[in-house]
Amino acid sequence: VVQWDKVYLQGKEELGSFTFQAALHSSGRIV
């Protein structure tokens, strides 16, 4: 799992922070 937690867009920080993730399962599933 990789998680981007409270990251901001360069030069657009006033828009707020983003939190999202990618999970790569050994079965081949990606979420």
PDB file of all heavy atoms in Angstrom:
ATOM      1  N   VAL A   1       0.845  -1.194   0.000  1.00  0.00           N
ATOM      2  CA  VAL A   1       0.000   0.000   0.000  1.00  0.00           C
ATOM      3  C   VAL A   1       0.883   1.247   0.000  1.00  0.00           C
ATOM      4  O   VAL A   1       1.850   1.330   0.761  1.00  0.00           O
ATOM      5  CB  VAL A   1      -0.922   0.042   1.241  1.00  0.00           C
ATOM      6  CG1 VAL A   1      -1.802   1.283   1.223  1.00  0.00           C
ATOM      7  CG2 VAL A   1      -1.767  -1.214   1.325  1.00  0.00           C
ATOM      8  N   VAL A   2       0.538   2.201  -0.863  1.00  0.00           N
ATOM      9  CA  VAL A   2       1.170   3.524  -0.840  1.00  0.00           C
ATOM     10  C   VAL A   2       0.062   4.527  -0.573  1.00  0.00           C
ATOM     11  O   VAL A   2      -0.980   4.496  -1.225  1.00  0.00           O
ATOM     12  CB  VAL A   2       1.871   3.864  -2.179  1.00  0.00           C
ATOM     13  CG1 VAL A   2       2.485   5.259  -2.117  1.00  0.00           C
ATOM     14  CG2 VAL A   2       2.922   2.831  -2.514  1.00  0.00           C
ATOM     15  N   GLN A   3       0.302   5.413   0.403  1.00  0.00           N
ATOM     16  CA  GLN A   3      -0.700   6.427   0.731  1.00  0.00           C
ATOM     17  C   GLN A   3      -0.087   7.814   0.666  1.00  0.00           C
ATOM     18  O   GLN A   3       0.948   8.078   1.266  1.00  0.00           O
ATOM     19  CB  GLN A   3      -1.282   6.202   2.126  1.00  0.00           C
ATOM     20  CG  GLN A   3      -2.303   7.285   2.497  1.00  0.00           C
ATOM     21  CD  GLN A   3      -3.146   6.917   3.676  1.00  0.00           C
ATOM     22  OE1 GLN A   3      -3.786   5.883   3.665  1.00  0.00           O
ATOM     23  NE2 GLN A   3      -3.151   7.761   4.689  1.00  0.00           N
ATOM     24  N   TRP A   4      -0.761   8.670  -0.081  1.00  0.00           N
ATOM     25  CA  TRP A   4      -0.429  10.084  -0.139  1.00  0.00           C
ATOM     26  C   TRP A   4      -1.367  10.741   0.866  1.00  0.00           C
ATOM     27  O   TRP A   4      -2.586  10.739   0.684  1.00  0.00           O
ATOM     28  CB  TRP A   4      -0.668  10.635  -1.537  1.00  0.00           C
ATOM     29  CG  TRP A   4       0.286  10.115  -2.560  1.00  0.00           C
ATOM     30  CD1 TRP A   4       1.384  10.763  -3.040  1.00  0.00           C
ATOM     31  CD2 TRP A   4       0.230   8.854  -3.252  1.00  0.00           C
ATOM     32  NE1 TRP A   4       2.022   9.977  -3.968  1.00  0.00           N
ATOM     33  CE2 TRP A   4       1.336   8.796  -4.117  1.00  0.00           C
ATOM     34  CE3 TRP A   4      -0.639   7.767  -3.200  1.00  0.00           C
ATOM     35  CZ2 TRP A   4       1.585   7.711  -4.937  1.00  0.00           C
ATOM     36  CZ3 TRP A   4      -0.393   6.676  -4.005  1.00  0.00           C
ATOM     37  CH2 TRP A   4       0.709   6.647  -4.862  1.00  0.00           C
ATOM     38  N   ASP A   5      -0.818  11.290   1.946  1.00  0.00           N
ATOM     39  CA  ASP A   5      -1.629  11.793   3.051  1.00  0.00           C
ATOM     40  C   ASP A   5      -1.446  13.300   3.199  1.00  0.00           C
ATOM     41  O   ASP A   5      -0.326  13.783   3.388  1.00  0.00           O
ATOM     42  CB  ASP A   5      -1.212  11.084   4.340  1.00  0.00           C
ATOM     43  CG  ASP A   5      -2.171  11.310   5.482  1.00  0.00           C
ATOM     44  OD1 ASP A   5      -3.397  11.365   5.239  1.00  0.00           O
ATOM     45  OD2 ASP A   5      -1.702  11.431   6.630  1.00  0.00           O
ATOM     46  N   LYS A   6      -2.535  14.014   3.057  1.00  0.00           N
ATOM     47  CA  LYS A   6      -2.550  15.474   3.218  1.00  0.00           C
ATOM     48  C   LYS A   6      -1.529  16.162   2.296  1.00  0.00           C
ATOM     49  O   LYS A   6      -0.766  17.017   2.730  1.00  0.00           O
ATOM     50  CB  LYS A   6      -2.313  15.860   4.674  1.00  0.00           C
ATOM     51  CG  LYS A   6      -3.410  15.385   5.612  1.00  0.00           C
ATOM     52  CD  LYS A   6      -3.105  15.784   7.054  1.00  0.00           C
ATOM     53  CE  LYS A   6      -4.193  15.365   8.007  1.00  0.00           C
ATOM     54  NZ  LYS A   6      -4.379  13.953   8.158  1.00  0.00           N
ATOM     55  N   VAL A   7      -1.531  15.777   1.024  1.00  0.00           N
ATOM     56  CA  VAL A   7      -0.645  16.422   0.052  1.00  0.00           C
ATOM     57  C   VAL A   7      -1.418  17.538  -0.661  1.00  0.00           C
ATOM     58  O   VAL A   7      -2.638  17.473  -0.815  1.00  0.00           O
ATOM     59  CB  VAL A   7      -0.059  15.412  -0.968  1.00  0.00           C
ATOM     60  CG1 VAL A   7       0.875  14.433  -0.272  1.00  0.00           C
ATOM     61  CG2 VAL A   7      -1.140  14.674  -1.724  1.00  0.00           C
ATOM     62  N   TYR A   8      -0.672  18.553  -1.067  1.00  0.00           N
ATOM     63  CA  TYR A   8      -1.260  19.740  -1.693  1.00  0.00           C
ATOM     64  C   TYR A   8      -0.777  19.878  -3.124  1.00  0.00           C
ATOM     65  O   TYR A   8       0.336  19.456  -3.459  1.00  0.00           O
ATOM     66  CB  TYR A   8      -0.862  21.003  -0.914  1.00  0.00           C
ATOM     67  CG  TYR A   8      -1.450  21.081   0.470  1.00  0.00           C
ATOM     68  CD1 TYR A   8      -0.867  20.395   1.538  1.00  0.00           C
ATOM     69  CD2 TYR A   8      -2.597  21.830   0.713  1.00  0.00           C
ATOM     70  CE1 TYR A   8      -1.412  20.469   2.812  1.00  0.00           C
ATOM     71  CE2 TYR A   8      -3.146  21.911   1.989  1.00  0.00           C
ATOM     72  CZ  TYR A   8      -2.547  21.223   3.028  1.00  0.00           C
ATOM     73  OH  TYR A   8      -3.092  21.292   4.286  1.00  0.00           O
ATOM     74  N   LEU A   9      -1.591  20.517  -3.945  1.00  0.00           N
ATOM     75  CA  LEU A   9      -1.179  20.831  -5.309  1.00  0.00           C
ATOM     76  C   LEU A   9      -0.236  22.022  -5.284  1.00  0.00           C
ATOM     77  O   LEU A   9      -0.510  23.034  -4.618  1.00  0.00           O
ATOM     78  CB  LEU A   9      -2.401  21.152  -6.176  1.00  0.00           C
ATOM     79  CG  LEU A   9      -3.304  19.970  -6.490  1.00  0.00           C
ATOM     80  CD1 LEU A   9      -4.624  20.464  -7.065  1.00  0.00           C
ATOM     81  CD2 LEU A   9      -2.622  19.026  -7.459  1.00  0.00           C
ATOM     82  N   GLN A  10       0.860  21.921  -5.995  1.00  0.00           N
ATOM     83  CA  GLN A  10       1.850  22.993  -6.081  1.00  0.00           C
ATOM     84  C   GLN A  10       1.190  24.272  -6.594  1.00  0.00           C
ATOM     85  O   GLN A  10       0.562  24.272  -7.651  1.00  0.00           O
ATOM     86  CB  GLN A  10       2.981  22.574  -7.029  1.00  0.00           C
ATOM     87  CG  GLN A  10       4.035  23.629  -7.279  1.00  0.00           C
ATOM     88  CD  GLN A  10       4.960  23.767  -6.093  1.00  0.00           C
ATOM     89  OE1 GLN A  10       5.317  22.790  -5.445  1.00  0.00           O
ATOM     90  NE2 GLN A  10       5.357  24.980  -5.801  1.00  0.00           N
ATOM     91  N   GLY A  11       1.307  25.345  -5.834  1.00  0.00           N
ATOM     92  CA  GLY A  11       0.760  26.635  -6.256  1.00  0.00           C
ATOM     93  C   GLY A  11      -0.737  26.777  -6.057  1.00  0.00           C
ATOM     94  O   GLY A  11      -1.313  27.823  -6.330  1.00  0.00           O
ATOM     95  N   LYS A  12      -1.393  25.737  -5.601  1.00  0.00           N
ATOM     96  CA  LYS A  12      -2.852  25.757  -5.372  1.00  0.00           C
ATOM     97  C   LYS A  12      -3.173  25.224  -3.976  1.00  0.00           C
ATOM     98  O   LYS A  12      -4.186  24.569  -3.769  1.00  0.00           O
ATOM     99  CB  LYS A  12      -3.575  24.908  -6.433  1.00  0.00           C
ATOM    100  CG  LYS A  12      -3.425  25.423  -7.835  1.00  0.00           C
ATOM    101  CD  LYS A  12      -4.242  26.675  -8.006  1.00  0.00           C
ATOM    102  CE  LYS A  12      -4.157  27.175  -9.443  1.00  0.00           C
ATOM    103  NZ  LYS A  12      -4.883  28.407  -9.609  1.00  0.00           N
ATOM    104  N   GLU A  13      -2.308  25.529  -3.031  1.00  0.00           N
ATOM    105  CA  GLU A  13      -2.444  24.996  -1.684  1.00  0.00           C
ATOM    106  C   GLU A  13      -3.758  25.401  -1.022  1.00  0.00           C
ATOM    107  O   GLU A  13      -4.287  24.685  -0.171  1.00  0.00           O
ATOM    108  CB  GLU A  13      -1.249  25.425  -0.826  1.00  0.00           C
ATOM    109  CG  GLU A  13       0.072  24.784  -1.228  1.00  0.00           C
ATOM    110  CD  GLU A  13       0.782  25.459  -2.408  1.00  0.00           C
ATOM    111  OE1 GLU A  13       0.294  26.502  -2.906  1.00  0.00           O
ATOM    112  OE2 GLU A  13       1.824  24.928  -2.829  1.00  0.00           O
ATOM    113  N   GLU A  14      -4.313  26.546  -1.442  1.00  0.00           N
ATOM    114  CA  GLU A  14      -5.567  27.022  -0.848  1.00  0.00           C
ATOM    115  C   GLU A  14      -6.752  26.094  -1.140  1.00  0.00           C
ATOM    116  O   GLU A  14      -7.790  26.164  -0.483  1.00  0.00           O
ATOM    117  CB  GLU A  14      -5.886  28.443  -1.324  1.00  0.00           C
ATOM    118  CG  GLU A  14      -6.328  28.558  -2.766  1.00  0.00           C
ATOM    119  CD  GLU A  14      -5.201  28.522  -3.810  1.00  0.00           C
ATOM    120  OE1 GLU A  14      -4.011  28.432  -3.438  1.00  0.00           O
ATOM    121  OE2 GLU A  14      -5.531  28.588  -5.009  1.00  0.00           O
ATOM    122  N   LEU A  15      -6.600  25.190  -2.114  1.00  0.00           N
ATOM    123  CA  LEU A  15      -7.682  24.269  -2.443  1.00  0.00           C
ATOM    124  C   LEU A  15      -7.886  23.206  -1.371  1.00  0.00           C
ATOM    125  O   LEU A  15      -8.956  22.610  -1.285  1.00  0.00           O
ATOM    126  CB  LEU A  15      -7.416  23.583  -3.788  1.00  0.00           C
ATOM    127  CG  LEU A  15      -7.386  24.481  -5.012  1.00  0.00           C
ATOM    128  CD1 LEU A  15      -7.060  23.678  -6.265  1.00  0.00           C
ATOM    129  CD2 LEU A  15      -8.708  25.216  -5.175  1.00  0.00           C
ATOM    130  N   GLY A  16      -6.862  22.969  -0.570  1.00  0.00           N
ATOM    131  CA  GLY A  16      -6.954  21.963   0.476  1.00  0.00           C
ATOM    132  C   GLY A  16      -6.081  20.758   0.189  1.00  0.00           C
ATOM    133  O   GLY A  16      -5.456  20.655  -0.866  1.00  0.00           O
ATOM    134  N   SER A  17      -6.049  19.844   1.140  1.00  0.00           N
ATOM    135  CA  SER A  17      -5.173  18.677   1.010  1.00  0.00           C
ATOM    136  C   SER A  17      -5.927  17.467   0.467  1.00  0.00           C
ATOM    137  O   SER A  17      -7.135  17.344   0.631  1.00  0.00           O
ATOM    138  CB  SER A  17      -4.535  18.333   2.358  1.00  0.00           C
ATOM    139  OG  SER A  17      -5.509  17.865   3.266  1.00  0.00           O
ATOM    140  N   PHE A  18      -5.161  16.595  -0.163  1.00  0.00           N
ATOM    141  CA  PHE A  18      -5.666  15.366  -0.780  1.00  0.00           C
ATOM    142  C   PHE A  18      -5.108  14.178  -0.001  1.00  0.00           C
ATOM    143  O   PHE A  18      -3.920  14.174   0.362  1.00  0.00           O
ATOM    144  CB  PHE A  18      -5.194  15.252  -2.228  1.00  0.00           C
ATOM    145  CG  PHE A  18      -5.768  16.274  -3.166  1.00  0.00           C
ATOM    146  CD1 PHE A  18      -5.394  17.605  -3.101  1.00  0.00           C
ATOM    147  CD2 PHE A  18      -6.677  15.892  -4.145  1.00  0.00           C
ATOM    148  CE1 PHE A  18      -5.914  18.543  -3.985  1.00  0.00           C
ATOM    149  CE2 PHE A  18      -7.207  16.818  -5.037  1.00  0.00           C
ATOM    150  CZ  PHE A  18      -6.825  18.149  -4.953  1.00  0.00           C
ATOM    151  N   THR A  19      -5.927  13.177   0.222  1.00  0.00           N
ATOM    152  CA  THR A  19      -5.469  11.925   0.823  1.00  0.00           C
ATOM    153  C   THR A  19      -6.061  10.780   0.009  1.00  0.00           C
ATOM    154  O   THR A  19      -7.280  10.704  -0.172  1.00  0.00           O
ATOM    155  CB  THR A  19      -5.902  11.809   2.300  1.00  0.00           C
ATOM    156  OG1 THR A  19      -5.293  12.878   3.039  1.00  0.00           O
ATOM    157  CG2 THR A  19      -5.479  10.479   2.898  1.00  0.00           C
ATOM    158  N   PHE A  20      -5.178   9.910  -0.500  1.00  0.00           N
ATOM    159  CA  PHE A  20      -5.608   8.782  -1.318  1.00  0.00           C
ATOM    160  C   PHE A  20      -4.544   7.706  -1.277  1.00  0.00           C
ATOM    161  O   PHE A  20      -3.425   7.950  -0.808  1.00  0.00           O
ATOM    162  CB  PHE A  20      -5.886   9.225  -2.763  1.00  0.00           C
ATOM    163  CG  PHE A  20      -4.751   9.961  -3.416  1.00  0.00           C
ATOM    164  CD1 PHE A  20      -3.804   9.282  -4.163  1.00  0.00           C
ATOM    165  CD2 PHE A  20      -4.626  11.337  -3.285  1.00  0.00           C
ATOM    166  CE1 PHE A  20      -2.755   9.950  -4.765  1.00  0.00           C
ATOM    167  CE2 PHE A  20      -3.581  12.020  -3.896  1.00  0.00           C
ATOM    168  CZ  PHE A  20      -2.645  11.326  -4.634  1.00  0.00           C
ATOM    169  N   GLN A  21      -4.888   6.513  -1.738  1.00  0.00           N
ATOM    170  CA  GLN A  21      -3.922   5.423  -1.693  1.00  0.00           C
ATOM    171  C   GLN A  21      -4.133   4.430  -2.826  1.00  0.00           C
ATOM    172  O   GLN A  21      -5.191   4.402  -3.461  1.00  0.00           O
ATOM    173  CB  GLN A  21      -3.967   4.689  -0.350  1.00  0.00           C
ATOM    174  CG  GLN A  21      -5.243   3.980  -0.054  1.00  0.00           C
ATOM    175  CD  GLN A  21      -5.185   3.231   1.278  1.00  0.00           C
ATOM    176  OE1 GLN A  21      -5.695   2.125   1.339  1.00  0.00           O
ATOM    177  NE2 GLN A  21      -4.606   3.798   2.316  1.00  0.00           N
ATOM    178  N   ALA A  22      -3.095   3.631  -3.039  1.00  0.00           N
ATOM    179  CA  ALA A  22      -3.137   2.512  -3.972  1.00  0.00           C
ATOM    180  C   ALA A  22      -2.719   1.275  -3.200  1.00  0.00           C
ATOM    181  O   ALA A  22      -1.719   1.295  -2.471  1.00  0.00           O
ATOM    182  CB  ALA A  22      -2.198   2.734  -5.143  1.00  0.00           C
ATOM    183  N   ALA A  23      -3.491   0.186  -3.339  1.00  0.00           N
ATOM    184  CA  ALA A  23      -3.166  -1.084  -2.685  1.00  0.00           C
ATOM    185  C   ALA A  23      -3.005  -2.146  -3.767  1.00  0.00           C
ATOM    186  O   ALA A  23      -3.925  -2.394  -4.543  1.00  0.00           O
ATOM    187  CB  ALA A  23      -4.271  -1.477  -1.710  1.00  0.00           C
ATOM    188  N   LEU A  24      -1.825  -2.753  -3.818  1.00  0.00           N
ATOM    189  CA  LEU A  24      -1.525  -3.816  -4.785  1.00  0.00           C
ATOM    190  C   LEU A  24      -1.504  -5.139  -4.030  1.00  0.00           C
ATOM    191  O   LEU A  24      -0.646  -5.354  -3.174  1.00  0.00           O
ATOM    192  CB  LEU A  24      -0.171  -3.577  -5.451  1.00  0.00           C
ATOM    193  CG  LEU A  24      -0.086  -2.483  -6.500  1.00  0.00           C
ATOM    194  CD1 LEU A  24      -0.347  -1.108  -5.918  1.00  0.00           C
ATOM    195  CD2 LEU A  24       1.267  -2.501  -7.162  1.00  0.00           C
ATOM    196  N   HIS A  25      -2.469  -5.996  -4.320  1.00  0.00           N
ATOM    197  CA  HIS A  25      -2.601  -7.272  -3.629  1.00  0.00           C
ATOM    198  C   HIS A  25      -1.848  -8.361  -4.384  1.00  0.00           C
ATOM    199  O   HIS A  25      -1.771  -8.340  -5.612  1.00  0.00           O
ATOM    200  CB  HIS A  25      -4.080  -7.644  -3.511  1.00  0.00           C
ATOM    201  CG  HIS A  25      -4.867  -6.676  -2.685  1.00  0.00           C
ATOM    202  ND1 HIS A  25      -5.163  -6.897  -1.366  1.00  0.00           N
ATOM    203  CD2 HIS A  25      -5.405  -5.465  -2.987  1.00  0.00           C
ATOM    204  CE1 HIS A  25      -5.848  -5.875  -0.892  1.00  0.00           C
ATOM    205  NE2 HIS A  25      -6.014  -4.988  -1.851  1.00  0.00           N
ATOM    206  N   SER A  26      -1.334  -9.342  -3.654  1.00  0.00           N
ATOM    207  CA  SER A  26      -0.586 -10.431  -4.285  1.00  0.00           C
ATOM    208  C   SER A  26      -1.469 -11.251  -5.226  1.00  0.00           C
ATOM    209  O   SER A  26      -0.966 -11.927  -6.114  1.00  0.00           O
ATOM    210  CB  SER A  26       0.056 -11.330  -3.221  1.00  0.00           C
ATOM    211  OG  SER A  26      -0.946 -11.884  -2.385  1.00  0.00           O
ATOM    212  N   SER A  27      -2.776 -11.175  -5.059  1.00  0.00           N
ATOM    213  CA  SER A  27      -3.712 -11.877  -5.949  1.00  0.00           C
ATOM    214  C   SER A  27      -3.831 -11.199  -7.311  1.00  0.00           C
ATOM    215  O   SER A  27      -4.441 -11.749  -8.223  1.00  0.00           O
ATOM    216  CB  SER A  27      -5.096 -11.927  -5.302  1.00  0.00           C
ATOM    217  OG  SER A  27      -5.623 -10.602  -5.184  1.00  0.00           O
ATOM    218  N   GLY A  28      -3.277  -9.991  -7.434  1.00  0.00           N
ATOM    219  CA  GLY A  28      -3.378  -9.235  -8.676  1.00  0.00           C
ATOM    220  C   GLY A  28      -4.387  -8.099  -8.596  1.00  0.00           C
ATOM    221  O   GLY A  28      -4.419  -7.244  -9.470  1.00  0.00           O
ATOM    222  N   ARG A  29      -5.229  -8.099  -7.574  1.00  0.00           N
ATOM    223  CA  ARG A  29      -6.185  -7.002  -7.390  1.00  0.00           C
ATOM    224  C   ARG A  29      -5.447  -5.709  -7.092  1.00  0.00           C
ATOM    225  O   ARG A  29      -4.434  -5.709  -6.389  1.00  0.00           O
ATOM    226  CB  ARG A  29      -7.118  -7.284  -6.200  1.00  0.00           C
ATOM    227  CG  ARG A  29      -8.269  -8.158  -6.482  1.00  0.00           C
ATOM    228  CD  ARG A  29      -9.186  -8.362  -5.281  1.00  0.00           C
ATOM    229  NE  ARG A  29      -9.528  -7.132  -4.600  1.00  0.00           N
ATOM    230  CZ  ARG A  29      -9.347  -6.919  -3.284  1.00  0.00           C
ATOM    231  NH1 ARG A  29      -8.816  -7.841  -2.517  1.00  0.00           N
ATOM    232  NH2 ARG A  29      -9.699  -5.783  -2.749  1.00  0.00           N
ATOM    233  N   ILE A  30      -5.965  -4.620  -7.622  1.00  0.00           N
ATOM    234  CA  ILE A  30      -5.454  -3.289  -7.321  1.00  0.00           C
ATOM    235  C   ILE A  30      -6.643  -2.449  -6.884  1.00  0.00           C
ATOM    236  O   ILE A  30      -7.679  -2.436  -7.549  1.00  0.00           O
ATOM    237  CB  ILE A  30      -4.769  -2.652  -8.547  1.00  0.00           C
ATOM    238  CG1 ILE A  30      -3.563  -3.488  -8.983  1.00  0.00           C
ATOM    239  CG2 ILE A  30      -4.358  -1.202  -8.249  1.00  0.00           C
ATOM    240  CD1 ILE A  30      -2.919  -3.037 -10.274  1.00  0.00           C
ATOM    241  N   VAL A  31      -6.507  -1.772  -5.747  1.00  0.00           N
ATOM    242  CA  VAL A  31      -7.589  -0.940  -5.230  1.00  0.00           C
ATOM    243  C   VAL A  31      -7.061   0.469  -5.021  1.00  0.00           C
ATOM    244  O   VAL A  31      -6.027   0.665  -4.377  1.00  0.00           O
ATOM    245  CB  VAL A  31      -8.151  -1.498  -3.902  1.00  0.00           C
ATOM    246  CG1 VAL A  31      -9.271  -0.604  -3.377  1.00  0.00           C
ATOM    247  CG2 VAL A  31      -8.639  -2.928  -4.076  1.00  0.00           C
TER     248      VAL A  31
END
